[in-house]
C-alpha atoms as a PDB file:
ATOM      1  CA  MET A   1       0.000   0.000   0.000  1.00  0.00           C
ATOM      2  CA  PRO A   2       1.489   3.398  -0.955  1.00  0.00           C
ATOM      3  CA  ARG A   3       2.435   5.742   1.857  1.00  0.00           C
ATOM      4  CA  LEU A   4       0.323   8.873   1.991  1.00  0.00           C
ATOM      5  CA  ILE A   5       2.297  12.092   2.344  1.00  0.00           C
ATOM      6  CA  PRO A   6       0.809  14.584   4.805  1.00  0.00           C
ATOM      7  CA  VAL A   7      -0.461  17.687   3.021  1.00  0.00           C
ATOM      8  CA  GLN A   8       1.926  20.068   4.800  1.00  0.00           C
ATOM      9  CA  GLU A   9       4.947  17.931   3.843  1.00  0.00           C
ATOM     10  CA  TYR A  10       3.700  17.712   0.247  1.00  0.00           C
ATOM     11  CA  LEU A  11       3.277  21.492  -0.002  1.00  0.00           C
ATOM     12  CA  SER A  12       6.699  22.030   1.555  1.00  0.00           C
ATOM     13  CA  GLN A  13       8.241  19.804  -1.120  1.00  0.00           C
ATOM     14  CA  ARG A  14       6.291  21.587  -3.864  1.00  0.00           C
ATOM     15  CA  LEU A  15       7.461  25.001  -2.672  1.00  0.00           C
ATOM     16  CA  GLN A  16      11.081  23.816  -2.399  1.00  0.00           C
ATOM     17  CA  GLN A  17      10.921  22.398  -5.918  1.00  0.00           C
ATOM     18  CA  PHE A  18       9.357  25.578  -7.266  1.00  0.00           C
ATOM     19  CA  LEU A  19      11.966  27.798  -5.579  1.00  0.00           C
ATOM     20  CA  SER A  20      14.682  25.523  -6.948  1.00  0.00           C
ATOM     21  CA  TRP A  21      13.225  25.907 -10.453  1.00  0.00           C
ATOM     22  CA  LEU A  22      13.073  29.709 -10.039  1.00  0.00           C
ATOM     23  CA  ALA A  23      16.708  29.701  -8.873  1.00  0.00           C
ATOM     24  CA  ARG A  24      17.834  27.663 -11.898  1.00  0.00           C
ATOM     25  CA  LYS A  25      15.782  29.708 -14.360  1.00  0.00           C
ATOM     26  CA  PHE A  26      16.109  33.256 -13.004  1.00  0.00           C
ATOM     27  CA  GLY A  27      18.589  33.127 -10.123  1.00  0.00           C
ATOM     28  CA  ARG A  28      22.126  34.351 -10.011  1.00  0.00           C
ATOM     29  CA  PRO A  29      24.911  33.026  -7.824  1.00  0.00           C
ATOM     30  CA  VAL A  30      25.824  34.933  -4.671  1.00  0.00           C
ATOM     31  CA  CYS A  31      28.178  33.910  -1.869  1.00  0.00           C
ATOM     32  CA  SER A  32      25.383  32.332   0.192  1.00  0.00           C
ATOM     33  CA  GLY A  33      23.456  30.542  -2.588  1.00  0.00           C
ATOM     34  CA  GLN A  34      21.237  31.490  -5.528  1.00  0.00           C
ATOM     35  CA  LEU A  35      19.576  34.907  -5.458  1.00  0.00           C
ATOM     36  CA  ILE A  36      16.025  34.945  -6.816  1.00  0.00           C
ATOM     37  CA  ASP A  37      15.470  38.645  -7.416  1.00  0.00           C
ATOM     38  CA  ILE A  38      12.054  38.771  -9.069  1.00  0.00           C
ATOM     39  CA  PRO A  39       8.958  40.411  -7.596  1.00  0.00           C
ATOM     40  CA  VAL A  40       6.632  37.547  -6.720  1.00  0.00           C
ATOM     41  CA  THR A  41       4.074  37.836  -3.929  1.00  0.00           C
ATOM     42  CA  HIS A  42       3.030  35.153  -1.468  1.00  0.00           C
ATOM     43  CA  GLN A  43      -0.345  35.082  -3.227  1.00  0.00           C
ATOM     44  CA  GLU A  44       1.306  34.439  -6.605  1.00  0.00           C
ATOM     45  CA  LEU A  45       3.474  31.666  -5.139  1.00  0.00           C
ATOM     46  CA  ALA A  46       0.350  30.132  -3.599  1.00  0.00           C
ATOM     47  CA  GLU A  47      -1.484  30.173  -6.914  1.00  0.00           C
ATOM     48  CA  MET A  48       1.498  28.611  -8.698  1.00  0.00           C
ATOM     49  CA  ILE A  49       1.735  25.613  -6.362  1.00  0.00           C
ATOM     50  CA  GLY A  50      -1.957  25.280  -5.549  1.00  0.00           C
ATOM     51  CA  THR A  51      -2.290  26.402  -1.949  1.00  0.00           C
ATOM     52  CA  THR A  52      -3.226  29.463   0.098  1.00  0.00           C
ATOM     53  CA  ARG A  53      -1.281  32.640   0.806  1.00  0.00           C
ATOM     54  CA  VAL A  54      -1.335  31.859   4.527  1.00  0.00           C
ATOM     55  CA  THR A  55       0.307  28.471   3.923  1.00  0.00           C
ATOM     56  CA  ILE A  56       3.034  30.061   1.779  1.00  0.00           C
ATOM     57  CA  THR A  57       3.724  32.645   4.481  1.00  0.00           C
ATOM     58  CA  ARG A  58       4.013  29.884   7.083  1.00  0.00           C
ATOM     59  CA  LEU A  59       6.282  27.747   4.861  1.00  0.00           C
ATOM     60  CA  ILE A  60       8.572  30.664   3.994  1.00  0.00           C
ATOM     61  CA  LYS A  61       8.973  31.450   7.689  1.00  0.00           C
ATOM     62  CA  GLN A  62       9.713  27.767   8.344  1.00  0.00           C
ATOM     63  CA  PHE A  63      12.287  27.698   5.502  1.00  0.00           C
ATOM     64  CA  GLU A  64      13.988  30.784   6.955  1.00  0.00           C
ATOM     65  CA  GLU A  65      14.149  29.191  10.412  1.00  0.00           C
ATOM     66  CA  GLU A  66      15.594  25.982   8.923  1.00  0.00           C
ATOM     67  CA  GLY A  67      18.196  27.922   6.921  1.00  0.00           C
ATOM     68  CA  ILE A  68      16.880  26.772   3.538  1.00  0.00           C
ATOM     69  CA  ILE A  69      16.345  30.365   2.429  1.00  0.00           C
ATOM     70  CA  SER A  70      17.125  33.879   3.553  1.00  0.00           C
ATOM     71  CA  ARG A  71      15.338  37.071   2.598  1.00  0.00           C
ATOM     72  CA  PRO A  72      17.709  40.043   2.478  1.00  0.00           C
ATOM     73  CA  ARG A  73      15.038  42.300   0.975  1.00  0.00           C
ATOM     74  CA  ARG A  74      11.292  42.172   0.526  1.00  0.00           C
ATOM     75  CA  TYR A  75      11.136  40.634  -2.966  1.00  0.00           C
ATOM     76  CA  CYS A  76      14.406  38.710  -2.834  1.00  0.00           C
ATOM     77  CA  ILE A  77      14.985  35.150  -1.765  1.00  0.00           C
ATOM     78  CA  VAL A  78      18.378  33.492  -1.439  1.00  0.00           C
ATOM     79  CA  LEU A  79      18.048  29.744  -1.844  1.00  0.00           C
ATOM     80  CA  ARG A  80      20.923  28.356   0.220  1.00  0.00           C
ATOM     81  CA  ASP A  81      21.851  25.153  -1.625  1.00  0.00           C
ATOM     82  CA  CYS A  82      19.545  24.293  -4.488  1.00  0.00           C
ATOM     83  CA  SER A  83      21.634  21.222  -5.431  1.00  0.00           C
ATOM     84  CA  GLU A  84      20.204  19.348  -2.427  1.00  0.00           C
ATOM     85  CA  ILE A  85      16.579  20.123  -3.265  1.00  0.00           C
END
């Protein structure tokens, strides 16, 4: 029987994969990772991965606490090590 992935874990994986794609497509290397310097709102991220803005806000905060990303400015995200995602 296949293992069911909890929704929160699934959305976390989806967001990590999407940020990794953005980093590969639009990012540029900086000393701490890949800088994604495009203006994208939490609402737009939510619509792109099929969840709510509140969930995206919670996941981004979680990613910051875990060191997966940093946010030096409002519309910038530094993805720490996209090779592991």
